[in-house]
Amino acid sequence: MNLVVADSGPLIVFARTHSLDVLLAVAKRILVAPAVREECLFDRTRPGAKAIEQAFERGELTLSGDPEMGHLFDNIPNLNAGEKSALALALSINEAVLIDEKLGRVIARQRNIKVIGSVGILLLAKKIGKLAAVKPILDTWKRAGYHLSEDLIIAALDQAGEITPAMHRR
């Protein structure tokens, strides 16, 4: 994957669980809208904030300008500023958006914006040999409080070839 526009949720979960390197191994360039950067760094004492700040300093995350199409999402009340700006940026440059929030993913698809989620990044990383297994990271995310449905976890483990027979019986 050459370029992806990231929303704050995925950046935070990768950073706070010390797995930002997995994201960086999959996406050659990660573009971040100013509102998304602000959401990630408004409280630099929060878990993951320091790792995100350092990734910006190292040039692993690239700050974009404000997207010109931001107004296209103003009338969607349940999207926050970061989600709106990430979607607008992805739309304006015709690139994929890395977003986990359900409404954001629905809106992206309605606007023909390519979508990938954090779990999709893990699956890609495994597919290209940058990650041995997705289950340990999914387990870490769950322990860190990141919401992942059981159906999503089982589907991801199945796709990754990591599902056990007991999981099929659920």
N, C-alpha and C. Protein backbone atom coordinates (compact mmCIF):
# COMPACT_ATOMS: atom_id res chain seq x y z
N MET A 1 0.87 -1.16 0.00
CA MET A 1 0.00 0.00 0.00
C MET A 1 0.91 1.23 0.00
N ASN A 2 0.75 2.07 -1.00
CA ASN A 2 1.62 3.24 -1.10
C ASN A 2 1.26 4.34 -0.12
N LEU A 3 -0.02 4.70 -0.08
CA LEU A 3 -0.44 5.84 0.73
C LEU A 3 -1.78 5.54 1.37
N VAL A 4 -1.93 5.96 2.61
CA VAL A 4 -3.22 5.86 3.29
C VAL A 4 -3.40 7.12 4.12
N VAL A 5 -4.64 7.58 4.18
CA VAL A 5 -5.01 8.71 5.04
C VAL A 5 -5.54 8.10 6.33
N ALA A 6 -4.96 8.48 7.46
CA ALA A 6 -5.32 7.84 8.73
C ALA A 6 -6.24 8.71 9.58
N ASP A 7 -7.21 8.06 10.20
CA ASP A 7 -8.03 8.66 11.25
C ASP A 7 -7.33 8.42 12.58
N SER A 8 -7.78 9.10 13.61
CA SER A 8 -7.09 9.03 14.90
C SER A 8 -7.23 7.67 15.59
N GLY A 9 -8.40 7.05 15.53
CA GLY A 9 -8.60 5.78 16.24
C GLY A 9 -7.55 4.73 15.91
N PRO A 10 -7.35 4.43 14.63
CA PRO A 10 -6.32 3.46 14.28
C PRO A 10 -4.91 3.90 14.70
N LEU A 11 -4.58 5.16 14.50
CA LEU A 11 -3.25 5.62 14.92
C LEU A 11 -3.05 5.40 16.42
N ILE A 12 -4.06 5.75 17.19
CA ILE A 12 -3.96 5.63 18.65
C ILE A 12 -3.83 4.17 19.07
N VAL A 13 -4.64 3.28 18.50
CA VAL A 13 -4.57 1.88 18.93
C VAL A 13 -3.24 1.25 18.54
N PHE A 14 -2.73 1.55 17.36
CA PHE A 14 -1.42 1.02 16.98
C PHE A 14 -0.34 1.59 17.90
N ALA A 15 -0.40 2.88 18.18
CA ALA A 15 0.63 3.51 19.01
C ALA A 15 0.57 3.06 20.46
N ARG A 16 -0.60 3.05 21.04
CA ARG A 16 -0.70 2.74 22.48
C ARG A 16 -0.40 1.28 22.79
N THR A 17 -0.44 0.42 21.77
CA THR A 17 -0.12 -1.00 21.98
C THR A 17 1.24 -1.36 21.37
N HIS A 18 2.04 -0.36 21.11
CA HIS A 18 3.41 -0.55 20.62
C HIS A 18 3.46 -1.36 19.33
N SER A 19 2.50 -1.14 18.45
CA SER A 19 2.47 -1.87 17.18
C SER A 19 2.42 -0.92 15.98
N LEU A 20 2.85 0.32 16.19
CA LEU A 20 2.88 1.30 15.09
C LEU A 20 3.79 0.82 13.97
N ASP A 21 4.82 0.04 14.32
CA ASP A 21 5.73 -0.49 13.30
C ASP A 21 5.00 -1.38 12.29
N VAL A 22 3.94 -2.05 12.73
CA VAL A 22 3.17 -2.91 11.81
C VAL A 22 2.48 -2.04 10.76
N LEU A 23 1.86 -0.96 11.21
CA LEU A 23 1.21 -0.03 10.27
C LEU A 23 2.24 0.55 9.31
N LEU A 24 3.39 0.94 9.84
CA LEU A 24 4.43 1.54 9.01
C LEU A 24 5.02 0.54 8.03
N ALA A 25 4.97 -0.74 8.35
CA ALA A 25 5.47 -1.77 7.43
C ALA A 25 4.53 -1.99 6.25
N VAL A 26 3.26 -1.67 6.44
CA VAL A 26 2.25 -1.91 5.40
C VAL A 26 2.08 -0.69 4.50
N ALA A 27 2.01 0.49 5.09
CA ALA A 27 1.77 1.72 4.34
C ALA A 27 3.08 2.48 4.17
N LYS A 28 3.46 2.72 2.93
CA LYS A 28 4.71 3.45 2.68
C LYS A 28 4.62 4.90 3.16
N ARG A 29 3.42 5.46 3.05
CA ARG A 29 3.23 6.85 3.46
C ARG A 29 1.88 6.96 4.16
N ILE A 30 1.88 7.61 5.33
CA ILE A 30 0.66 7.79 6.11
C ILE A 30 0.42 9.28 6.24
N LEU A 31 -0.67 9.73 5.65
CA LEU A 31 -1.03 11.14 5.65
C LEU A 31 -2.05 11.40 6.74
N VAL A 32 -1.84 12.48 7.49
CA VAL A 32 -2.69 12.80 8.63
C VAL A 32 -3.18 14.24 8.51
N ALA A 33 -4.49 14.42 8.57
CA ALA A 33 -5.09 15.76 8.54
C ALA A 33 -4.83 16.46 9.88
N PRO A 34 -4.77 17.79 9.88
CA PRO A 34 -4.51 18.52 11.13
C PRO A 34 -5.48 18.19 12.26
N ALA A 35 -6.76 18.03 11.97
CA ALA A 35 -7.72 17.72 13.04
C ALA A 35 -7.46 16.34 13.63
N VAL A 36 -6.99 15.41 12.82
CA VAL A 36 -6.65 14.07 13.31
C VAL A 36 -5.41 14.15 14.21
N ARG A 37 -4.42 14.91 13.77
CA ARG A 37 -3.21 15.08 14.59
C ARG A 37 -3.57 15.68 15.95
N GLU A 38 -4.45 16.66 15.94
CA GLU A 38 -4.88 17.30 17.18
C GLU A 38 -5.58 16.30 18.10
N GLU A 39 -6.43 15.45 17.54
CA GLU A 39 -7.10 14.43 18.35
C GLU A 39 -6.10 13.46 18.98
N CYS A 40 -5.06 13.15 18.24
CA CYS A 40 -4.05 12.20 18.74
C CYS A 40 -3.16 12.82 19.81
N LEU A 41 -2.91 14.12 19.70
CA LEU A 41 -1.88 14.74 20.54
C LEU A 41 -2.40 15.79 21.51
N PHE A 42 -3.71 15.98 21.62
CA PHE A 42 -4.21 17.05 22.49
C PHE A 42 -3.81 16.84 23.94
N ASP A 43 -3.66 15.60 24.36
CA ASP A 43 -3.17 15.29 25.71
C ASP A 43 -1.97 14.37 25.55
N ARG A 44 -0.80 14.94 25.62
CA ARG A 44 0.43 14.18 25.36
C ARG A 44 0.76 13.16 26.45
N THR A 45 -0.04 13.13 27.52
CA THR A 45 0.19 12.13 28.57
C THR A 45 -0.62 10.86 28.32
N ARG A 46 -1.52 10.89 27.35
CA ARG A 46 -2.34 9.70 27.05
C ARG A 46 -1.48 8.62 26.41
N PRO A 47 -1.82 7.35 26.67
CA PRO A 47 -1.07 6.25 26.06
C PRO A 47 -1.06 6.37 24.53
N GLY A 48 0.12 6.25 23.95
CA GLY A 48 0.28 6.31 22.50
C GLY A 48 0.63 7.68 21.96
N ALA A 49 0.33 8.74 22.71
CA ALA A 49 0.57 10.09 22.19
C ALA A 49 2.04 10.33 21.90
N LYS A 50 2.91 9.92 22.79
CA LYS A 50 4.35 10.13 22.61
C LYS A 50 4.85 9.39 21.37
N ALA A 51 4.38 8.16 21.17
CA ALA A 51 4.79 7.39 19.99
C ALA A 51 4.33 8.05 18.70
N ILE A 52 3.13 8.62 18.72
CA ILE A 52 2.61 9.32 17.53
C ILE A 52 3.43 10.58 17.28
N GLU A 53 3.69 11.32 18.34
CA GLU A 53 4.50 12.54 18.20
C GLU A 53 5.89 12.21 17.63
N GLN A 54 6.50 11.15 18.12
CA GLN A 54 7.81 10.74 17.62
C GLN A 54 7.74 10.28 16.17
N ALA A 55 6.66 9.63 15.78
CA ALA A 55 6.49 9.21 14.39
C ALA A 55 6.39 10.42 13.46
N PHE A 56 5.75 11.49 13.92
CA PHE A 56 5.73 12.73 13.14
C PHE A 56 7.14 13.30 13.04
N GLU A 57 7.85 13.33 14.16
CA GLU A 57 9.21 13.88 14.18
C GLU A 57 10.14 13.11 13.25
N ARG A 58 9.97 11.80 13.17
CA ARG A 58 10.82 10.96 12.30
C ARG A 58 10.35 10.98 10.84
N GLY A 59 9.23 11.62 10.56
CA GLY A 59 8.71 11.67 9.19
C GLY A 59 7.94 10.42 8.79
N GLU A 60 7.61 9.56 9.74
CA GLU A 60 6.84 8.35 9.42
C GLU A 60 5.36 8.67 9.23
N LEU A 61 4.90 9.72 9.87
CA LEU A 61 3.56 10.26 9.66
C LEU A 61 3.72 11.63 9.05
N THR A 62 2.93 11.93 8.03
CA THR A 62 3.04 13.21 7.33
C THR A 62 1.80 14.04 7.57
N LEU A 63 2.00 15.25 8.06
CA LEU A 63 0.88 16.17 8.29
C LEU A 63 0.49 16.80 6.96
N SER A 64 -0.80 16.73 6.63
CA SER A 64 -1.30 17.35 5.40
C SER A 64 -1.77 18.76 5.72
N GLY A 65 -2.12 19.48 4.67
CA GLY A 65 -2.83 20.72 4.88
C GLY A 65 -4.29 20.40 5.16
N ASP A 66 -5.08 21.40 5.50
CA ASP A 66 -6.51 21.16 5.70
C ASP A 66 -7.13 20.76 4.37
N PRO A 67 -7.92 19.70 4.36
CA PRO A 67 -8.54 19.25 3.11
C PRO A 67 -9.54 20.28 2.58
N GLU A 68 -9.49 20.49 1.27
CA GLU A 68 -10.37 21.48 0.65
C GLU A 68 -11.83 21.04 0.62
N MET A 69 -12.08 19.76 0.72
CA MET A 69 -13.44 19.25 0.62
C MET A 69 -14.07 19.02 1.99
N GLY A 70 -13.51 19.58 3.03
CA GLY A 70 -14.00 19.36 4.38
C GLY A 70 -15.47 19.67 4.56
N HIS A 71 -15.95 20.66 3.85
CA HIS A 71 -17.36 21.07 3.97
C HIS A 71 -18.34 19.99 3.52
N LEU A 72 -17.87 19.03 2.73
CA LEU A 72 -18.76 17.97 2.24
C LEU A 72 -19.32 17.09 3.35
N PHE A 73 -18.66 17.10 4.49
CA PHE A 73 -19.07 16.23 5.59
C PHE A 73 -19.62 17.02 6.78
N ASP A 74 -19.78 18.32 6.63
CA ASP A 74 -20.25 19.17 7.73
C ASP A 74 -21.66 18.81 8.20
N ASN A 75 -22.49 18.31 7.31
CA ASN A 75 -23.88 18.02 7.66
C ASN A 75 -24.08 16.63 8.28
N ILE A 76 -22.99 15.95 8.61
CA ILE A 76 -23.09 14.63 9.23
C ILE A 76 -22.76 14.79 10.72
N PRO A 77 -23.79 14.86 11.56
CA PRO A 77 -23.60 15.25 12.96
C PRO A 77 -22.83 14.26 13.82
N ASN A 78 -22.85 12.99 13.51
CA ASN A 78 -22.21 12.02 14.39
C ASN A 78 -20.77 11.69 14.04
N LEU A 79 -20.20 12.42 13.09
CA LEU A 79 -18.78 12.29 12.78
C LEU A 79 -18.05 13.40 13.50
N ASN A 80 -16.90 13.08 14.12
CA ASN A 80 -16.13 14.14 14.76
C ASN A 80 -15.25 14.85 13.74
N ALA A 81 -14.58 15.89 14.17
CA ALA A 81 -13.78 16.72 13.26
C ALA A 81 -12.68 15.91 12.59
N GLY A 82 -12.05 15.01 13.33
CA GLY A 82 -10.99 14.20 12.76
C GLY A 82 -11.50 13.27 11.67
N GLU A 83 -12.61 12.61 11.94
CA GLU A 83 -13.20 11.71 10.94
C GLU A 83 -13.59 12.47 9.69
N LYS A 84 -14.21 13.63 9.88
CA LYS A 84 -14.61 14.45 8.72
C LYS A 84 -13.39 14.86 7.90
N SER A 85 -12.33 15.29 8.58
CA SER A 85 -11.16 15.75 7.84
C SER A 85 -10.41 14.59 7.18
N ALA A 86 -10.37 13.43 7.83
CA ALA A 86 -9.72 12.27 7.21
C ALA A 86 -10.48 11.84 5.96
N LEU A 87 -11.80 11.80 6.05
CA LEU A 87 -12.62 11.44 4.88
C LEU A 87 -12.45 12.47 3.76
N ALA A 88 -12.47 13.74 4.11
CA ALA A 88 -12.33 14.79 3.10
C ALA A 88 -10.96 14.72 2.43
N LEU A 89 -9.93 14.48 3.21
CA LEU A 89 -8.58 14.38 2.64
C LEU A 89 -8.48 13.17 1.72
N ALA A 90 -8.97 12.03 2.15
CA ALA A 90 -8.93 10.82 1.31
C ALA A 90 -9.70 11.04 0.01
N LEU A 91 -10.86 11.69 0.11
CA LEU A 91 -11.66 11.97 -1.08
C LEU A 91 -10.93 12.93 -2.02
N SER A 92 -10.32 13.97 -1.45
CA SER A 92 -9.68 15.00 -2.28
C SER A 92 -8.46 14.49 -3.04
N ILE A 93 -7.78 13.48 -2.49
CA ILE A 93 -6.60 12.95 -3.18
C ILE A 93 -6.83 11.54 -3.74
N ASN A 94 -8.08 11.06 -3.63
CA ASN A 94 -8.47 9.75 -4.16
C ASN A 94 -7.58 8.63 -3.64
N GLU A 95 -7.44 8.59 -2.32
CA GLU A 95 -6.67 7.53 -1.67
C GLU A 95 -7.53 6.86 -0.60
N ALA A 96 -7.06 5.75 -0.11
CA ALA A 96 -7.78 5.00 0.92
C ALA A 96 -7.73 5.72 2.26
N VAL A 97 -8.76 5.49 3.07
CA VAL A 97 -8.79 6.03 4.43
C VAL A 97 -8.71 4.86 5.40
N LEU A 98 -7.86 5.02 6.40
CA LEU A 98 -7.73 4.04 7.49
C LEU A 98 -8.63 4.52 8.61
N ILE A 99 -9.76 3.85 8.78
CA ILE A 99 -10.76 4.29 9.74
C ILE A 99 -11.49 3.06 10.29
N ASP A 100 -11.74 3.08 11.59
CA ASP A 100 -12.43 1.96 12.22
C ASP A 100 -13.85 2.30 12.62
N GLU A 101 -14.15 3.56 12.79
CA GLU A 101 -15.47 4.00 13.26
C GLU A 101 -16.52 3.61 12.22
N LYS A 102 -17.56 2.94 12.67
CA LYS A 102 -18.56 2.35 11.76
C LYS A 102 -19.21 3.38 10.84
N LEU A 103 -19.71 4.48 11.39
CA LEU A 103 -20.37 5.48 10.55
C LEU A 103 -19.39 6.06 9.53
N GLY A 104 -18.17 6.31 9.95
CA GLY A 104 -17.16 6.82 9.03
C GLY A 104 -16.91 5.87 7.87
N ARG A 105 -16.90 4.59 8.15
CA ARG A 105 -16.70 3.59 7.09
C ARG A 105 -17.88 3.57 6.13
N VAL A 106 -19.09 3.68 6.67
CA VAL A 106 -20.30 3.71 5.83
C VAL A 106 -20.28 4.93 4.92
N ILE A 107 -20.00 6.09 5.50
CA ILE A 107 -19.96 7.34 4.72
C ILE A 107 -18.88 7.25 3.65
N ALA A 108 -17.72 6.71 4.00
CA ALA A 108 -16.64 6.57 3.02
C ALA A 108 -17.09 5.74 1.83
N ARG A 109 -17.71 4.62 2.11
CA ARG A 109 -18.17 3.76 1.01
C ARG A 109 -19.23 4.44 0.16
N GLN A 110 -20.11 5.21 0.81
CA GLN A 110 -21.13 5.95 0.05
C GLN A 110 -20.50 6.96 -0.89
N ARG A 111 -19.35 7.50 -0.51
CA ARG A 111 -18.64 8.50 -1.33
C ARG A 111 -17.57 7.86 -2.20
N ASN A 112 -17.58 6.54 -2.28
CA ASN A 112 -16.61 5.79 -3.09
C ASN A 112 -15.16 6.02 -2.66
N ILE A 113 -14.97 6.18 -1.37
CA ILE A 113 -13.62 6.28 -0.81
C ILE A 113 -13.20 4.87 -0.40
N LYS A 114 -12.02 4.46 -0.82
CA LYS A 114 -11.51 3.14 -0.42
C LYS A 114 -11.31 3.15 1.09
N VAL A 115 -11.67 2.04 1.74
CA VAL A 115 -11.62 1.94 3.20
C VAL A 115 -10.78 0.75 3.61
N ILE A 116 -9.96 0.95 4.61
CA ILE A 116 -9.29 -0.16 5.28
C ILE A 116 -9.36 0.12 6.77
N GLY A 117 -9.49 -0.92 7.54
CA GLY A 117 -9.52 -0.78 8.99
C GLY A 117 -8.23 -1.28 9.61
N SER A 118 -8.11 -1.10 10.90
CA SER A 118 -6.92 -1.54 11.62
C SER A 118 -6.70 -3.04 11.47
N VAL A 119 -7.78 -3.81 11.54
CA VAL A 119 -7.66 -5.26 11.39
C VAL A 119 -7.20 -5.60 9.98
N GLY A 120 -7.68 -4.87 8.99
CA GLY A 120 -7.23 -5.07 7.62
C GLY A 120 -5.74 -4.83 7.46
N ILE A 121 -5.22 -3.85 8.19
CA ILE A 121 -3.77 -3.59 8.17
C ILE A 121 -3.02 -4.79 8.73
N LEU A 122 -3.52 -5.37 9.83
CA LEU A 122 -2.87 -6.56 10.39
C LEU A 122 -2.86 -7.70 9.39
N LEU A 123 -3.99 -7.91 8.71
CA LEU A 123 -4.08 -8.99 7.73
C LEU A 123 -3.12 -8.77 6.57
N LEU A 124 -3.02 -7.52 6.11
CA LEU A 124 -2.06 -7.21 5.04
C LEU A 124 -0.64 -7.44 5.51
N ALA A 125 -0.34 -7.03 6.74
CA ALA A 125 1.01 -7.22 7.28
C ALA A 125 1.38 -8.70 7.32
N LYS A 126 0.44 -9.52 7.72
CA LYS A 126 0.72 -10.96 7.74
C LYS A 126 0.90 -11.49 6.33
N LYS A 127 0.05 -11.05 5.43
CA LYS A 127 0.11 -11.52 4.04
C LYS A 127 1.45 -11.22 3.38
N ILE A 128 2.02 -10.05 3.68
CA ILE A 128 3.30 -9.66 3.06
C ILE A 128 4.51 -10.07 3.90
N GLY A 129 4.27 -10.83 4.97
CA GLY A 129 5.37 -11.35 5.76
C GLY A 129 5.96 -10.41 6.79
N LYS A 130 5.24 -9.35 7.12
CA LYS A 130 5.74 -8.39 8.12
C LYS A 130 5.21 -8.68 9.52
N LEU A 131 4.33 -9.67 9.63
CA LEU A 131 3.73 -10.02 10.91
C LEU A 131 3.52 -11.53 10.93
N ALA A 132 3.99 -12.17 11.99
CA ALA A 132 3.86 -13.63 12.08
C ALA A 132 2.44 -14.07 12.38
N ALA A 133 1.75 -13.31 13.25
CA ALA A 133 0.39 -13.69 13.67
C ALA A 133 -0.39 -12.44 14.06
N VAL A 134 -1.68 -12.42 13.73
CA VAL A 134 -2.53 -11.27 14.09
C VAL A 134 -3.14 -11.43 15.48
N LYS A 135 -3.32 -12.66 15.94
CA LYS A 135 -4.01 -12.89 17.21
C LYS A 135 -3.37 -12.18 18.41
N PRO A 136 -2.05 -12.23 18.57
CA PRO A 136 -1.48 -11.53 19.73
C PRO A 136 -1.78 -10.03 19.74
N ILE A 137 -1.78 -9.41 18.58
CA ILE A 137 -2.08 -7.98 18.53
C ILE A 137 -3.56 -7.74 18.80
N LEU A 138 -4.43 -8.55 18.23
CA LEU A 138 -5.86 -8.41 18.52
C LEU A 138 -6.13 -8.58 20.01
N ASP A 139 -5.47 -9.54 20.63
CA ASP A 139 -5.63 -9.74 22.08
C ASP A 139 -5.15 -8.51 22.85
N THR A 140 -4.03 -7.95 22.45
CA THR A 140 -3.50 -6.75 23.10
C THR A 140 -4.47 -5.59 22.94
N TRP A 141 -5.04 -5.43 21.75
CA TRP A 141 -6.00 -4.35 21.52
C TRP A 141 -7.21 -4.51 22.42
N LYS A 142 -7.71 -5.72 22.53
CA LYS A 142 -8.87 -5.95 23.40
C LYS A 142 -8.54 -5.61 24.85
N ARG A 143 -7.37 -6.05 25.32
CA ARG A 143 -6.96 -5.74 26.70
C ARG A 143 -6.80 -4.24 26.91
N ALA A 144 -6.43 -3.53 25.85
CA ALA A 144 -6.25 -2.07 25.94
C ALA A 144 -7.59 -1.33 25.85
N GLY A 145 -8.68 -2.08 25.67
CA GLY A 145 -10.00 -1.46 25.64
C GLY A 145 -10.50 -1.07 24.26
N TYR A 146 -9.81 -1.50 23.21
CA TYR A 146 -10.25 -1.17 21.86
C TYR A 146 -11.39 -2.12 21.49
N HIS A 147 -12.51 -1.55 21.07
CA HIS A 147 -13.69 -2.37 20.79
C HIS A 147 -13.53 -3.12 19.48
N LEU A 148 -13.58 -4.43 19.57
CA LEU A 148 -13.58 -5.31 18.41
C LEU A 148 -14.67 -6.35 18.65
N SER A 149 -15.57 -6.50 17.70
CA SER A 149 -16.63 -7.49 17.87
C SER A 149 -16.05 -8.90 17.74
N GLU A 150 -16.70 -9.84 18.40
CA GLU A 150 -16.27 -11.24 18.30
C GLU A 150 -16.33 -11.73 16.86
N ASP A 151 -17.36 -11.29 16.13
CA ASP A 151 -17.48 -11.69 14.72
C ASP A 151 -16.29 -11.20 13.91
N LEU A 152 -15.86 -9.96 14.16
CA LEU A 152 -14.71 -9.40 13.44
C LEU A 152 -13.44 -10.18 13.79
N ILE A 153 -13.26 -10.47 15.06
CA ILE A 153 -12.07 -11.20 15.49
C ILE A 153 -12.03 -12.59 14.85
N ILE A 154 -13.14 -13.29 14.88
CA ILE A 154 -13.18 -14.64 14.30
C ILE A 154 -12.96 -14.58 12.79
N ALA A 155 -13.56 -13.62 12.11
CA ALA A 155 -13.36 -13.48 10.67
C ALA A 155 -11.89 -13.18 10.35
N ALA A 156 -11.27 -12.31 11.15
CA ALA A 156 -9.87 -11.96 10.93
C ALA A 156 -8.96 -13.17 11.17
N LEU A 157 -9.21 -13.88 12.25
CA LEU A 157 -8.39 -15.06 12.55
C LEU A 157 -8.58 -16.13 11.48
N ASP A 158 -9.79 -16.27 10.99
CA ASP A 158 -10.07 -17.23 9.92
C ASP A 158 -9.30 -16.84 8.66
N GLN A 159 -9.38 -15.57 8.29
CA GLN A 159 -8.69 -15.09 7.09
C GLN A 159 -7.17 -15.22 7.25
N ALA A 160 -6.68 -15.06 8.47
CA ALA A 160 -5.24 -15.15 8.73
C ALA A 160 -4.77 -16.59 8.88
N GLY A 161 -5.72 -17.54 8.87
CA GLY A 161 -5.36 -18.94 9.05
C GLY A 161 -4.97 -19.27 10.48
N GLU A 162 -5.51 -18.50 11.43
CA GLU A 162 -5.16 -18.68 12.83
C GLU A 162 -6.33 -19.15 13.69
N ILE A 163 -7.39 -19.57 13.06
CA ILE A 163 -8.57 -19.95 13.83
C ILE A 163 -8.45 -21.41 14.29
N THR A 164 -8.92 -21.65 15.49
CA THR A 164 -8.90 -23.01 16.03
C THR A 164 -10.28 -23.63 15.83
N PRO A 165 -10.36 -24.96 15.84
CA PRO A 165 -11.68 -25.61 15.70
C PRO A 165 -12.68 -25.15 16.75
N ALA A 166 -12.24 -24.89 17.96
CA ALA A 166 -13.15 -24.43 19.02
C ALA A 166 -13.79 -23.10 18.66
N MET A 167 -13.07 -22.24 17.96
CA MET A 167 -13.60 -20.93 17.57
C MET A 167 -14.72 -21.08 16.55
N HIS A 168 -14.65 -22.10 15.70
CA HIS A 168 -15.70 -22.34 14.70
C HIS A 168 -17.02 -22.72 15.35
N ARG A 169 -16.98 -23.31 16.53
CA ARG A 169 -18.19 -23.79 17.19
C ARG A 169 -18.93 -22.68 17.92
N ARG A 170 -18.40 -21.49 18.02
CA ARG A 170 -19.06 -20.41 18.77
C ARG A 170 -20.35 -20.01 18.15
